[in-house]
Amino acid sequence: MSCFELKKRDLDKLIQLISRKTDVYAPVKKNGVTKFEKVSGSREVVLQEHSYLPLKRLFFKPLEILFDFHGSRMSVPKSKPRRKIILGAKRCDLNSILRQDMMFMNENSDVYYTRERENTLLIGYQCKSAFDKYCFCESMDLEECQDLMLFDHGPVFLVEVTSEKGRELIEEYKKFFTKTDKIPLTEEKVVKNANRLKNKNISQLYDNPVWKKGVELCISCGACNLLCPSCYCFSIEDKNDMNLKSGTRIRFHASCQLKSFTKVAGNHVFRESRDGRFKHRIYHQLQWFRDRHGLNLCTGCGRCIRFCPTRIDFVELISQMSKKEPGSFEGINI
């Protein structure tokens, strides 16, 4: 492992130079909402903020054309995206991209995702403490999966090199980086106040009556899925022209919280009850994905709780079940 120092005052010049030939995405706050946008300098960049929208949208697009068809002819979009640099991704979002890679590049070879994801460099930003009371990333055993990691050291960023791609970027723009013997302290890599989920084995809790507290508040809106950086479910639909001879096949993000998601031919719905849909998402995130792949799908970003219309805190629910006490629950009464 090697480390460099980058002066904060040089960040704007560095981004300007990189953006001439590479698309640079960083968290930008506009009208009170933070999201990753393409930038050409650092003036609008807010590294300490958590984005409202997940990073997966840059690779697994919310709405995407798979192909057009005209009679017996089919055409597939063949645009080649420019090189991307993602600047300021938090460890939870970096690990979520790792999960997306597992599904769309390793387990399934998805040409559309791979085309967007290839030639991308990830520069993380280490959080010092939980963004708010909903974060629980320290509970999720997250990995090092970035190319470079930035640590805030007052007037400078300590830049930890964690991949060959990261080292090559440092070499390409070496006038901005100074080699240093400093290394991030162990405690610098710990996000304070973000270890809320004490019990990650929920296999024995499926029939616990405490789940009902969350189910009764759930309105099956699907916001938890659509804002989750790790969820990868999608639906496919054909949009036919009136002549029925041409049209477009599209793919779009889907939600397992919608009853229509498991509707199949014959109008059979596999998860008819809201109770079943509510628990399905949480068990997939915390239990079933880990049983199959050895790591949690959830990375503890807290978006599904933070932006839930009724503030359903499933981490608190699990804590109550694990303590075997009714406890209190912060939810909006509806």
C-alpha atoms as a PDB file:
ATOM      1  CA  MET A   1       0.000   0.000   0.000  1.00  0.00           C
ATOM      2  CA  SER A   2       1.274   3.479  -0.889  1.00  0.00           C
ATOM      3  CA  CYS A   3      -0.069   6.890   0.078  1.00  0.00           C
ATOM      4  CA  PHE A   4       0.134  10.391  -1.345  1.00  0.00           C
ATOM      5  CA  GLU A   5      -0.984  13.834  -0.291  1.00  0.00           C
ATOM      6  CA  LEU A   6      -3.221  16.015  -2.437  1.00  0.00           C
ATOM      7  CA  LYS A   7      -3.645  19.637  -1.437  1.00  0.00           C
ATOM      8  CA  LYS A   8      -7.311  20.572  -1.236  1.00  0.00           C
ATOM      9  CA  ARG A   9      -6.675  23.805  -3.079  1.00  0.00           C
ATOM     10  CA  ASP A  10      -5.405  21.758  -6.051  1.00  0.00           C
ATOM     11  CA  LEU A  11      -8.547  19.621  -6.350  1.00  0.00           C
ATOM     12  CA  ASP A  12     -10.320  22.094  -8.620  1.00  0.00           C
ATOM     13  CA  LYS A  13      -7.380  22.249 -11.063  1.00  0.00           C
ATOM     14  CA  LEU A  14      -7.038  18.476 -10.995  1.00  0.00           C
ATOM     15  CA  ILE A  15     -10.696  17.912 -11.865  1.00  0.00           C
ATOM     16  CA  GLN A  16     -10.540  20.534 -14.613  1.00  0.00           C
ATOM     17  CA  LEU A  17      -7.576  18.767 -16.185  1.00  0.00           C
ATOM     18  CA  ILE A  18      -9.030  15.259 -15.881  1.00  0.00           C
ATOM     19  CA  SER A  19     -12.460  16.283 -17.211  1.00  0.00           C
ATOM     20  CA  ARG A  20     -10.966  17.312 -20.558  1.00  0.00           C
ATOM     21  CA  LYS A  21     -10.764  13.666 -21.593  1.00  0.00           C
ATOM     22  CA  THR A  22     -12.649  11.797 -18.850  1.00  0.00           C
ATOM     23  CA  ASP A  23     -16.160  12.145 -17.435  1.00  0.00           C
ATOM     24  CA  VAL A  24     -15.849  12.999 -13.744  1.00  0.00           C
ATOM     25  CA  TYR A  25     -18.872  12.384 -11.504  1.00  0.00           C
ATOM     26  CA  ALA A  26     -19.015  13.743  -7.959  1.00  0.00           C
ATOM     27  CA  PRO A  27     -21.682  14.539  -5.343  1.00  0.00           C
ATOM     28  CA  VAL A  28     -23.282  17.926  -6.044  1.00  0.00           C
ATOM     29  CA  LYS A  29     -25.960  19.572  -3.911  1.00  0.00           C
ATOM     30  CA  LYS A  30     -28.689  21.506  -5.701  1.00  0.00           C
ATOM     31  CA  ASN A  31     -31.993  22.672  -4.238  1.00  0.00           C
ATOM     32  CA  GLY A  32     -31.273  20.689  -1.088  1.00  0.00           C
ATOM     33  CA  VAL A  33     -30.761  17.391  -2.945  1.00  0.00           C
ATOM     34  CA  THR A  34     -27.344  15.736  -3.320  1.00  0.00           C
ATOM     35  CA  LYS A  35     -26.662  13.443  -6.257  1.00  0.00           C
ATOM     36  CA  PHE A  36     -23.746  12.402  -8.437  1.00  0.00           C
ATOM     37  CA  GLU A  37     -23.436  14.635 -11.486  1.00  0.00           C
ATOM     38  CA  LYS A  38     -20.832  15.255 -14.138  1.00  0.00           C
ATOM     39  CA  VAL A  39     -18.494  18.048 -13.013  1.00  0.00           C
ATOM     40  CA  SER A  40     -15.647  20.030 -14.538  1.00  0.00           C
ATOM     41  CA  GLY A  41     -14.323  21.510 -11.298  1.00  0.00           C
ATOM     42  CA  SER A  42     -14.683  21.220  -7.532  1.00  0.00           C
ATOM     43  CA  ARG A  43     -16.657  24.376  -6.776  1.00  0.00           C
ATOM     44  CA  GLU A  44     -20.003  22.560  -6.477  1.00  0.00           C
ATOM     45  CA  VAL A  45     -18.614  19.289  -5.129  1.00  0.00           C
ATOM     46  CA  VAL A  46     -19.674  18.308  -1.587  1.00  0.00           C
ATOM     47  CA  LEU A  47     -17.562  15.277  -0.693  1.00  0.00           C
ATOM     48  CA  GLN A  48     -18.897  15.012   2.851  1.00  0.00           C
ATOM     49  CA  GLU A  49     -22.521  14.651   1.686  1.00  0.00           C
ATOM     50  CA  HIS A  50     -24.349  11.388   0.982  1.00  0.00           C
ATOM     51  CA  SER A  51     -26.122  11.282  -2.360  1.00  0.00           C
ATOM     52  CA  TYR A  52     -29.883  10.902  -2.495  1.00  0.00           C
ATOM     53  CA  LEU A  53     -29.753   8.795  -5.654  1.00  0.00           C
ATOM     54  CA  PRO A  54     -27.547   5.682  -5.745  1.00  0.00           C
ATOM     55  CA  LEU A  55     -24.461   5.310  -7.930  1.00  0.00           C
ATOM     56  CA  LYS A  56     -25.877   2.286  -9.737  1.00  0.00           C
ATOM     57  CA  ARG A  57     -27.846   4.668 -11.985  1.00  0.00           C
ATOM     58  CA  LEU A  58     -24.633   5.406 -13.888  1.00  0.00           C
ATOM     59  CA  PHE A  59     -24.265   1.741 -14.896  1.00  0.00           C
ATOM     60  CA  PHE A  60     -27.609  -0.022 -14.336  1.00  0.00           C
ATOM     61  CA  LYS A  61     -29.810   2.685 -15.806  1.00  0.00           C
ATOM     62  CA  PRO A  62     -33.319   3.405 -14.490  1.00  0.00           C
ATOM     63  CA  LEU A  63     -34.639   3.197 -18.068  1.00  0.00           C
ATOM     64  CA  GLU A  64     -32.655   1.731 -20.930  1.00  0.00           C
ATOM     65  CA  ILE A  65     -33.315   0.792 -24.540  1.00  0.00           C
ATOM     66  CA  LEU A  66     -32.195  -2.780 -25.173  1.00  0.00           C
ATOM     67  CA  PHE A  67     -32.980  -2.768 -28.892  1.00  0.00           C
ATOM     68  CA  ASP A  68     -35.269  -1.394 -31.599  1.00  0.00           C
ATOM     69  CA  PHE A  69     -37.016  -3.621 -34.116  1.00  0.00           C
ATOM     70  CA  HIS A  70     -38.415  -2.816 -37.554  1.00  0.00           C
ATOM     71  CA  GLY A  71     -40.057  -5.788 -39.207  1.00  0.00           C
ATOM     72  CA  SER A  72     -37.472  -8.573 -39.184  1.00  0.00           C
ATOM     73  CA  ARG A  73     -34.576  -6.183 -38.516  1.00  0.00           C
ATOM     74  CA  MET A  74     -33.237  -5.448 -35.061  1.00  0.00           C
ATOM     75  CA  SER A  75     -30.774  -2.730 -34.028  1.00  0.00           C
ATOM     76  CA  VAL A  76     -28.899  -2.576 -30.716  1.00  0.00           C
ATOM     77  CA  PRO A  77     -27.480   0.702 -29.349  1.00  0.00           C
ATOM     78  CA  LYS A  78     -23.711   0.564 -29.819  1.00  0.00           C
ATOM     79  CA  SER A  79     -22.481   3.813 -28.306  1.00  0.00           C
ATOM     80  CA  LYS A  80     -19.205   3.481 -26.421  1.00  0.00           C
ATOM     81  CA  PRO A  81     -19.232   5.508 -23.186  1.00  0.00           C
ATOM     82  CA  ARG A  82     -16.251   7.670 -22.308  1.00  0.00           C
ATOM     83  CA  ARG A  83     -13.944   6.776 -19.476  1.00  0.00           C
ATOM     84  CA  LYS A  84     -15.508   7.584 -16.097  1.00  0.00           C
ATOM     85  CA  ILE A  85     -14.074   8.631 -12.758  1.00  0.00           C
ATOM     86  CA  ILE A  86     -16.395   8.506  -9.758  1.00  0.00           C
ATOM     87  CA  LEU A  87     -15.120  10.914  -7.109  1.00  0.00           C
ATOM     88  CA  GLY A  88     -16.339  10.971  -3.517  1.00  0.00           C
ATOM     89  CA  ALA A  89     -18.199   7.669  -3.269  1.00  0.00           C
ATOM     90  CA  LYS A  90     -18.710   6.515   0.315  1.00  0.00           C
ATOM     91  CA  ARG A  91     -17.647   3.011   1.331  1.00  0.00           C
ATOM     92  CA  CYS A  92     -21.267   1.810   1.428  1.00  0.00           C
ATOM     93  CA  ASP A  93     -21.820   2.900  -2.183  1.00  0.00           C
ATOM     94  CA  LEU A  94     -18.495   1.482  -3.332  1.00  0.00           C
ATOM     95  CA  ASN A  95     -19.471  -1.899  -1.911  1.00  0.00           C
ATOM     96  CA  SER A  96     -22.860  -1.634  -3.572  1.00  0.00           C
ATOM     97  CA  ILE A  97     -21.120  -1.301  -6.947  1.00  0.00           C
ATOM     98  CA  LEU A  98     -19.212  -4.466  -6.063  1.00  0.00           C
ATOM     99  CA  ARG A  99     -22.563  -6.249  -5.595  1.00  0.00           C
ATOM    100  CA  GLN A 100     -23.823  -4.887  -8.909  1.00  0.00           C
ATOM    101  CA  ASP A 101     -20.652  -6.155 -10.592  1.00  0.00           C
ATOM    102  CA  MET A 102     -21.257  -9.594  -9.099  1.00  0.00           C
ATOM    103  CA  MET A 103     -24.734  -9.772 -10.614  1.00  0.00           C
ATOM    104  CA  PHE A 104     -24.223  -8.069 -13.977  1.00  0.00           C
ATOM    105  CA  MET A 105     -20.629  -9.007 -14.809  1.00  0.00           C
ATOM    106  CA  ASN A 106     -19.695 -12.149 -12.879  1.00  0.00           C
ATOM    107  CA  GLU A 107     -22.828 -14.214 -12.367  1.00  0.00           C
ATOM    108  CA  ASN A 108     -24.530 -12.900 -15.521  1.00  0.00           C
ATOM    109  CA  SER A 109     -22.763 -11.324 -18.465  1.00  0.00           C
ATOM    110  CA  ASP A 110     -24.846  -8.218 -19.112  1.00  0.00           C
ATOM    111  CA  VAL A 111     -23.443  -6.310 -22.068  1.00  0.00           C
ATOM    112  CA  TYR A 112     -25.368  -3.116 -21.281  1.00  0.00           C
ATOM    113  CA  TYR A 113     -24.118  -2.849 -17.697  1.00  0.00           C
ATOM    114  CA  THR A 114     -20.595  -3.947 -18.609  1.00  0.00           C
ATOM    115  CA  ARG A 115     -20.357  -1.351 -21.378  1.00  0.00           C
ATOM    116  CA  GLU A 116     -21.126   1.429 -18.890  1.00  0.00           C
ATOM    117  CA  ARG A 117     -19.058  -0.020 -16.053  1.00  0.00           C
ATOM    118  CA  GLU A 118     -15.875  -0.785 -17.984  1.00  0.00           C
ATOM    119  CA  ASN A 119     -13.069   1.735 -17.922  1.00  0.00           C
ATOM    120  CA  THR A 120     -14.380   3.289 -14.698  1.00  0.00           C
ATOM    121  CA  LEU A 121     -12.154   4.350 -11.815  1.00  0.00           C
ATOM    122  CA  LEU A 122     -13.582   4.651  -8.304  1.00  0.00           C
ATOM    123  CA  ILE A 123     -12.237   7.260  -5.880  1.00  0.00           C
ATOM    124  CA  GLY A 124     -13.768   6.894  -2.435  1.00  0.00           C
ATOM    125  CA  TYR A 125     -14.147   9.384   0.392  1.00  0.00           C
ATOM    126  CA  GLN A 126     -13.857   8.012   3.933  1.00  0.00           C
ATOM    127  CA  CYS A 127     -16.634   9.063   6.289  1.00  0.00           C
ATOM    128  CA  LYS A 128     -15.555   9.989   9.792  1.00  0.00           C
ATOM    129  CA  SER A 129     -18.934   9.344  11.430  1.00  0.00           C
ATOM    130  CA  ALA A 130     -22.454   8.319  10.491  1.00  0.00           C
ATOM    131  CA  PHE A 131     -24.202  10.762   8.163  1.00  0.00           C
ATOM    132  CA  ASP A 132     -27.325  10.496  10.306  1.00  0.00           C
ATOM    133  CA  LYS A 133     -29.016   8.085  12.709  1.00  0.00           C
ATOM    134  CA  TYR A 134     -30.033   5.739   9.881  1.00  0.00           C
ATOM    135  CA  CYS A 135     -26.512   4.720   8.759  1.00  0.00           C
ATOM    136  CA  PHE A 136     -25.354   1.239   9.761  1.00  0.00           C
ATOM    137  CA  CYS A 137     -22.467   0.566   7.359  1.00  0.00           C
ATOM    138  CA  GLU A 138     -20.110  -0.526  10.149  1.00  0.00           C
ATOM    139  CA  SER A 139     -22.418  -3.491  10.782  1.00  0.00           C
ATOM    140  CA  MET A 140     -22.031  -4.871   7.260  1.00  0.00           C
ATOM    141  CA  ASP A 141     -18.387  -6.058   7.025  1.00  0.00           C
ATOM    142  CA  LEU A 142     -17.618  -3.868   4.018  1.00  0.00           C
ATOM    143  CA  GLU A 143     -14.595  -4.468   1.813  1.00  0.00           C
ATOM    144  CA  GLU A 144     -11.916  -2.373   0.137  1.00  0.00           C
ATOM    145  CA  CYS A 145     -13.137  -2.197  -3.445  1.00  0.00           C
ATOM    146  CA  GLN A 146     -12.119   1.287  -4.600  1.00  0.00           C
ATOM    147  CA  ASP A 147      -9.093   2.315  -6.645  1.00  0.00           C
ATOM    148  CA  LEU A 148      -8.184   5.302  -4.472  1.00  0.00           C
ATOM    149  CA  MET A 149      -9.499   6.415  -1.080  1.00  0.00           C
ATOM    150  CA  LEU A 150      -9.438   9.999   0.198  1.00  0.00           C
ATOM    151  CA  PHE A 151      -9.023  10.747   3.903  1.00  0.00           C
ATOM    152  CA  ASP A 152      -9.630  14.288   5.095  1.00  0.00           C
ATOM    153  CA  HIS A 153      -6.481  15.600   6.785  1.00  0.00           C
ATOM    154  CA  GLY A 154      -7.190  19.305   7.191  1.00  0.00           C
ATOM    155  CA  PRO A 155      -5.568  21.228   4.310  1.00  0.00           C
ATOM    156  CA  VAL A 156      -4.781  18.019   2.406  1.00  0.00           C
ATOM    157  CA  PHE A 157      -6.336  14.730   1.408  1.00  0.00           C
ATOM    158  CA  LEU A 158      -4.373  11.630   2.311  1.00  0.00           C
ATOM    159  CA  VAL A 159      -4.774   9.457  -0.791  1.00  0.00           C
ATOM    160  CA  GLU A 160      -4.489   5.719  -0.270  1.00  0.00           C
ATOM    161  CA  VAL A 161      -3.715   3.732  -3.422  1.00  0.00           C
ATOM    162  CA  THR A 162      -5.623   0.438  -3.423  1.00  0.00           C
ATOM    163  CA  SER A 163      -5.373  -0.756  -7.038  1.00  0.00           C
ATOM    164  CA  GLU A 164      -3.148  -0.639 -10.089  1.00  0.00           C
ATOM    165  CA  LYS A 165      -5.678   1.586 -11.860  1.00  0.00           C
ATOM    166  CA  GLY A 166      -5.411   4.016  -8.970  1.00  0.00           C
ATOM    167  CA  ARG A 167      -1.624   4.005  -9.133  1.00  0.00           C
ATOM    168  CA  GLU A 168      -1.765   4.732 -12.873  1.00  0.00           C
ATOM    169  CA  LEU A 169      -3.988   7.773 -12.296  1.00  0.00           C
ATOM    170  CA  ILE A 170      -1.564   9.094  -9.673  1.00  0.00           C
ATOM    171  CA  GLU A 171       1.293   8.658 -12.154  1.00  0.00           C
ATOM    172  CA  GLU A 172      -0.651  10.349 -14.949  1.00  0.00           C
ATOM    173  CA  TYR A 173      -1.274  13.454 -12.818  1.00  0.00           C
ATOM    174  CA  LYS A 174       1.770  13.160 -10.567  1.00  0.00           C
ATOM    175  CA  LYS A 175       2.373  16.908 -10.310  1.00  0.00           C
ATOM    176  CA  PHE A 176      -0.650  17.117  -7.986  1.00  0.00           C
ATOM    177  CA  PHE A 177       0.429  14.285  -5.672  1.00  0.00           C
ATOM    178  CA  THR A 178       3.239  14.129  -3.129  1.00  0.00           C
ATOM    179  CA  LYS A 179       4.491  10.775  -1.853  1.00  0.00           C
ATOM    180  CA  THR A 180       4.178  10.437   1.908  1.00  0.00           C
ATOM    181  CA  ASP A 181       5.067   7.913   4.611  1.00  0.00           C
ATOM    182  CA  LYS A 182       1.783   8.617   6.361  1.00  0.00           C
ATOM    183  CA  ILE A 183      -0.834   5.878   6.252  1.00  0.00           C
ATOM    184  CA  PRO A 184      -4.466   5.966   7.362  1.00  0.00           C
ATOM    185  CA  LEU A 185      -4.802   4.944  10.997  1.00  0.00           C
ATOM    186  CA  THR A 186      -7.023   1.968  11.745  1.00  0.00           C
ATOM    187  CA  GLU A 187      -9.504   4.180  13.568  1.00  0.00           C
ATOM    188  CA  GLU A 188      -9.729   6.457  10.511  1.00  0.00           C
ATOM    189  CA  LYS A 189     -11.335   3.612   8.591  1.00  0.00           C
ATOM    190  CA  VAL A 190     -14.050   3.149  11.209  1.00  0.00           C
ATOM    191  CA  VAL A 191     -17.264   5.115  10.734  1.00  0.00           C
ATOM    192  CA  LYS A 192     -18.318   6.232  14.197  1.00  0.00           C
ATOM    193  CA  ASN A 193     -21.911   5.695  15.371  1.00  0.00           C
ATOM    194  CA  ALA A 194     -22.717   3.448  12.396  1.00  0.00           C
ATOM    195  CA  ASN A 195     -22.794  -0.010  14.006  1.00  0.00           C
ATOM    196  CA  ARG A 196     -26.522  -0.236  14.715  1.00  0.00           C
ATOM    197  CA  LEU A 197     -27.299  -3.704  13.398  1.00  0.00           C
ATOM    198  CA  LYS A 198     -25.993  -6.049  16.094  1.00  0.00           C
ATOM    199  CA  ASN A 199     -27.747  -9.208  14.877  1.00  0.00           C
ATOM    200  CA  LYS A 200     -27.115 -10.061  11.225  1.00  0.00           C
ATOM    201  CA  ASN A 201     -28.444 -13.608  11.447  1.00  0.00           C
ATOM    202  CA  ILE A 202     -32.194 -13.203  11.077  1.00  0.00           C
ATOM    203  CA  SER A 203     -32.904 -16.728   9.873  1.00  0.00           C
ATOM    204  CA  GLN A 204     -34.912 -17.569  13.009  1.00  0.00           C
ATOM    205  CA  LEU A 205     -36.915 -14.330  13.065  1.00  0.00           C
ATOM    206  CA  TYR A 206     -39.144 -14.728  10.003  1.00  0.00           C
ATOM    207  CA  ASP A 207     -42.332 -15.430  11.951  1.00  0.00           C
ATOM    208  CA  ASN A 208     -41.641 -12.963  14.737  1.00  0.00           C
ATOM    209  CA  PRO A 209     -44.719 -10.792  15.413  1.00  0.00           C
ATOM    210  CA  VAL A 210     -42.606  -7.618  15.641  1.00  0.00           C
ATOM    211  CA  TRP A 211     -42.442  -7.533  11.827  1.00  0.00           C
ATOM    212  CA  LYS A 212     -46.086  -6.488  11.910  1.00  0.00           C
ATOM    213  CA  LYS A 213     -45.064  -3.030  13.153  1.00  0.00           C
ATOM    214  CA  GLY A 214     -43.262  -2.412   9.885  1.00  0.00           C
ATOM    215  CA  VAL A 215     -45.821  -4.154   7.690  1.00  0.00           C
ATOM    216  CA  GLU A 216     -48.630  -1.976   9.038  1.00  0.00           C
ATOM    217  CA  LEU A 217     -46.681   1.176   8.142  1.00  0.00           C
ATOM    218  CA  CYS A 218     -45.597  -0.017   4.683  1.00  0.00           C
ATOM    219  CA  ILE A 219     -47.527   1.474   1.760  1.00  0.00           C
ATOM    220  CA  SER A 220     -45.784  -0.714  -0.851  1.00  0.00           C
ATOM    221  CA  CYS A 221     -44.492   2.343  -2.732  1.00  0.00           C
ATOM    222  CA  GLY A 222     -41.182   0.740  -3.759  1.00  0.00           C
ATOM    223  CA  ALA A 223     -39.013   3.727  -2.745  1.00  0.00           C
ATOM    224  CA  CYS A 224     -36.782   1.412  -0.693  1.00  0.00           C
ATOM    225  CA  ASN A 225     -35.934  -0.614  -3.793  1.00  0.00           C
ATOM    226  CA  LEU A 226     -35.511   2.251  -6.224  1.00  0.00           C
ATOM    227  CA  LEU A 227     -33.208   4.190  -3.867  1.00  0.00           C
ATOM    228  CA  CYS A 228     -31.258   1.129  -2.784  1.00  0.00           C
ATOM    229  CA  PRO A 229     -27.734   1.121  -4.285  1.00  0.00           C
ATOM    230  CA  SER A 230     -27.611  -2.699  -4.297  1.00  0.00           C
ATOM    231  CA  CYS A 231     -31.027  -3.837  -5.600  1.00  0.00           C
ATOM    232  CA  TYR A 232     -30.718  -5.154  -9.133  1.00  0.00           C
ATOM    233  CA  CYS A 233     -34.222  -6.309 -10.124  1.00  0.00           C
ATOM    234  CA  PHE A 234     -35.665  -5.026 -13.374  1.00  0.00           C
ATOM    235  CA  SER A 235     -38.612  -5.488 -15.727  1.00  0.00           C
ATOM    236  CA  ILE A 236     -38.615  -5.652 -19.513  1.00  0.00           C
ATOM    237  CA  GLU A 237     -41.361  -4.283 -21.735  1.00  0.00           C
ATOM    238  CA  ASP A 238     -41.963  -3.958 -25.455  1.00  0.00           C
ATOM    239  CA  LYS A 239     -43.302  -0.634 -26.721  1.00  0.00           C
ATOM    240  CA  ASN A 240     -44.887  -1.421 -30.089  1.00  0.00           C
ATOM    241  CA  ASP A 241     -45.878   1.135 -32.689  1.00  0.00           C
ATOM    242  CA  MET A 242     -49.489   1.223 -33.893  1.00  0.00           C
ATOM    243  CA  ASN A 243     -48.575  -0.711 -37.045  1.00  0.00           C
ATOM    244  CA  LEU A 244     -47.240  -3.580 -34.884  1.00  0.00           C
ATOM    245  CA  LYS A 245     -44.267  -3.825 -37.230  1.00  0.00           C
ATOM    246  CA  SER A 246     -41.790  -1.788 -35.238  1.00  0.00           C
ATOM    247  CA  GLY A 247     -41.078  -0.851 -31.653  1.00  0.00           C
ATOM    248  CA  THR A 248     -38.598  -0.753 -28.816  1.00  0.00           C
ATOM    249  CA  ARG A 249     -37.706  -3.148 -26.011  1.00  0.00           C
ATOM    250  CA  ILE A 250     -36.871  -1.330 -22.794  1.00  0.00           C
ATOM    251  CA  ARG A 251     -35.534  -2.327 -19.384  1.00  0.00           C
ATOM    252  CA  PHE A 252     -36.353  -0.413 -16.214  1.00  0.00           C
ATOM    253  CA  HIS A 253     -35.813  -0.693 -12.476  1.00  0.00           C
ATOM    254  CA  ALA A 254     -38.426  -2.764 -10.680  1.00  0.00           C
ATOM    255  CA  SER A 255     -39.536  -3.222  -7.084  1.00  0.00           C
ATOM    256  CA  CYS A 256     -40.341  -6.427  -5.215  1.00  0.00           C
ATOM    257  CA  GLN A 257     -42.637  -4.337  -2.994  1.00  0.00           C
ATOM    258  CA  LEU A 258     -45.151  -4.006  -5.821  1.00  0.00           C
ATOM    259  CA  LYS A 259     -47.733  -6.745  -6.121  1.00  0.00           C
ATOM    260  CA  SER A 260     -47.373  -6.699  -9.904  1.00  0.00           C
ATOM    261  CA  PHE A 261     -43.680  -7.627  -9.661  1.00  0.00           C
ATOM    262  CA  THR A 262     -44.384 -11.354  -9.147  1.00  0.00           C
ATOM    263  CA  LYS A 263     -47.468 -11.507 -11.358  1.00  0.00           C
ATOM    264  CA  VAL A 264     -47.125 -14.188 -14.035  1.00  0.00           C
ATOM    265  CA  ALA A 265     -49.251 -15.693 -16.801  1.00  0.00           C
ATOM    266  CA  GLY A 266     -52.642 -16.735 -15.541  1.00  0.00           C
ATOM    267  CA  ASN A 267     -52.686 -13.743 -13.160  1.00  0.00           C
ATOM    268  CA  HIS A 268     -50.979 -15.701 -10.403  1.00  0.00           C
ATOM    269  CA  VAL A 269     -49.108 -13.490  -7.912  1.00  0.00           C
ATOM    270  CA  PHE A 270     -46.346 -15.222  -5.954  1.00  0.00           C
ATOM    271  CA  ARG A 271     -46.280 -12.687  -3.105  1.00  0.00           C
ATOM    272  CA  GLU A 272     -49.851 -11.569  -2.736  1.00  0.00           C
ATOM    273  CA  SER A 273     -49.554 -10.317   0.840  1.00  0.00           C
ATOM    274  CA  ARG A 274     -47.831  -7.105   1.870  1.00  0.00           C
ATOM    275  CA  ASP A 275     -46.303  -9.053   4.760  1.00  0.00           C
ATOM    276  CA  GLY A 276     -44.578 -11.415   2.324  1.00  0.00           C
ATOM    277  CA  ARG A 277     -43.292  -8.603   0.122  1.00  0.00           C
ATOM    278  CA  PHE A 278     -42.070  -6.545   3.089  1.00  0.00           C
ATOM    279  CA  LYS A 279     -40.040  -9.395   4.559  1.00  0.00           C
ATOM    280  CA  HIS A 280     -38.808 -10.632   1.178  1.00  0.00           C
ATOM    281  CA  ARG A 281     -36.740  -7.479   0.577  1.00  0.00           C
ATOM    282  CA  ILE A 282     -35.144  -7.491   4.013  1.00  0.00           C
ATOM    283  CA  TYR A 283     -34.367 -11.218   3.953  1.00  0.00           C
ATOM    284  CA  HIS A 284     -32.860 -10.964   0.485  1.00  0.00           C
ATOM    285  CA  GLN A 285     -30.666  -8.081   1.628  1.00  0.00           C
ATOM    286  CA  LEU A 286     -29.522  -9.612   4.930  1.00  0.00           C
ATOM    287  CA  GLN A 287     -29.903 -13.391   4.696  1.00  0.00           C
ATOM    288  CA  TRP A 288     -30.598 -15.098   1.403  1.00  0.00           C
ATOM    289  CA  PHE A 289     -27.990 -13.263  -0.698  1.00  0.00           C
ATOM    290  CA  ARG A 290     -25.359 -13.980   1.978  1.00  0.00           C
ATOM    291  CA  ASP A 291     -26.370 -17.636   2.122  1.00  0.00           C
ATOM    292  CA  ARG A 292     -25.609 -17.917  -1.592  1.00  0.00           C
ATOM    293  CA  HIS A 293     -22.721 -15.486  -2.127  1.00  0.00           C
ATOM    294  CA  GLY A 294     -21.030 -15.179   1.254  1.00  0.00           C
ATOM    295  CA  LEU A 295     -21.671 -11.468   1.812  1.00  0.00           C
ATOM    296  CA  ASN A 296     -24.660  -9.252   2.515  1.00  0.00           C
ATOM    297  CA  LEU A 297     -26.398  -7.544  -0.372  1.00  0.00           C
ATOM    298  CA  CYS A 298     -27.145  -4.623   1.954  1.00  0.00           C
ATOM    299  CA  THR A 299     -24.243  -2.250   2.631  1.00  0.00           C
ATOM    300  CA  GLY A 300     -25.849  -0.185   5.388  1.00  0.00           C
ATOM    301  CA  CYS A 301     -26.269   3.143   3.578  1.00  0.00           C
ATOM    302  CA  GLY A 302     -29.627   3.755   5.292  1.00  0.00           C
ATOM    303  CA  ARG A 303     -31.410   5.193   2.231  1.00  0.00           C
ATOM    304  CA  CYS A 304     -34.327   2.756   2.472  1.00  0.00           C
ATOM    305  CA  ILE A 305     -35.036   4.047   5.987  1.00  0.00           C
ATOM    306  CA  ARG A 306     -34.029   7.686   5.485  1.00  0.00           C
ATOM    307  CA  PHE A 307     -36.348   8.193   2.513  1.00  0.00           C
ATOM    308  CA  CYS A 308     -39.176   5.826   3.444  1.00  0.00           C
ATOM    309  CA  PRO A 309     -42.406   7.894   3.529  1.00  0.00           C
ATOM    310  CA  THR A 310     -43.301   6.343   6.900  1.00  0.00           C
ATOM    311  CA  ARG A 311     -39.719   5.944   8.227  1.00  0.00           C
ATOM    312  CA  ILE A 312     -39.814   2.179   8.686  1.00  0.00           C
ATOM    313  CA  ASP A 313     -36.566   1.372  10.498  1.00  0.00           C
ATOM    314  CA  PHE A 314     -36.108  -2.370   9.959  1.00  0.00           C
ATOM    315  CA  VAL A 315     -32.789  -2.247  11.836  1.00  0.00           C
ATOM    316  CA  GLU A 316     -34.673  -1.123  14.928  1.00  0.00           C
ATOM    317  CA  LEU A 317     -37.269  -3.848  14.344  1.00  0.00           C
ATOM    318  CA  ILE A 318     -34.554  -6.502  14.225  1.00  0.00           C
ATOM    319  CA  SER A 319     -33.015  -5.073  17.404  1.00  0.00           C
ATOM    320  CA  GLN A 320     -36.355  -5.400  19.172  1.00  0.00           C
ATOM    321  CA  MET A 321     -36.746  -9.009  18.028  1.00  0.00           C
ATOM    322  CA  SER A 322     -33.196  -9.854  19.066  1.00  0.00           C
ATOM    323  CA  LYS A 323     -33.744  -8.381  22.523  1.00  0.00           C
ATOM    324  CA  LYS A 324     -37.078 -10.197  22.741  1.00  0.00           C
ATOM    325  CA  GLU A 325     -38.593  -6.991  24.051  1.00  0.00           C
ATOM    326  CA  PRO A 326     -41.405  -4.951  22.486  1.00  0.00           C
ATOM    327  CA  GLY A 327     -39.450  -1.693  22.818  1.00  0.00           C
ATOM    328  CA  SER A 328     -40.329   1.518  21.033  1.00  0.00           C
ATOM    329  CA  PHE A 329     -40.406   2.102  17.317  1.00  0.00           C
ATOM    330  CA  GLU A 330     -40.039   5.379  15.472  1.00  0.00           C
ATOM    331  CA  GLY A 331     -42.539   5.304  12.666  1.00  0.00           C
ATOM    332  CA  ILE A 332     -44.970   7.854  11.301  1.00  0.00           C
ATOM    333  CA  ASN A 333     -48.497   6.907  12.233  1.00  0.00           C
ATOM    334  CA  ILE A 334     -50.729   6.737   9.188  1.00  0.00           C
END
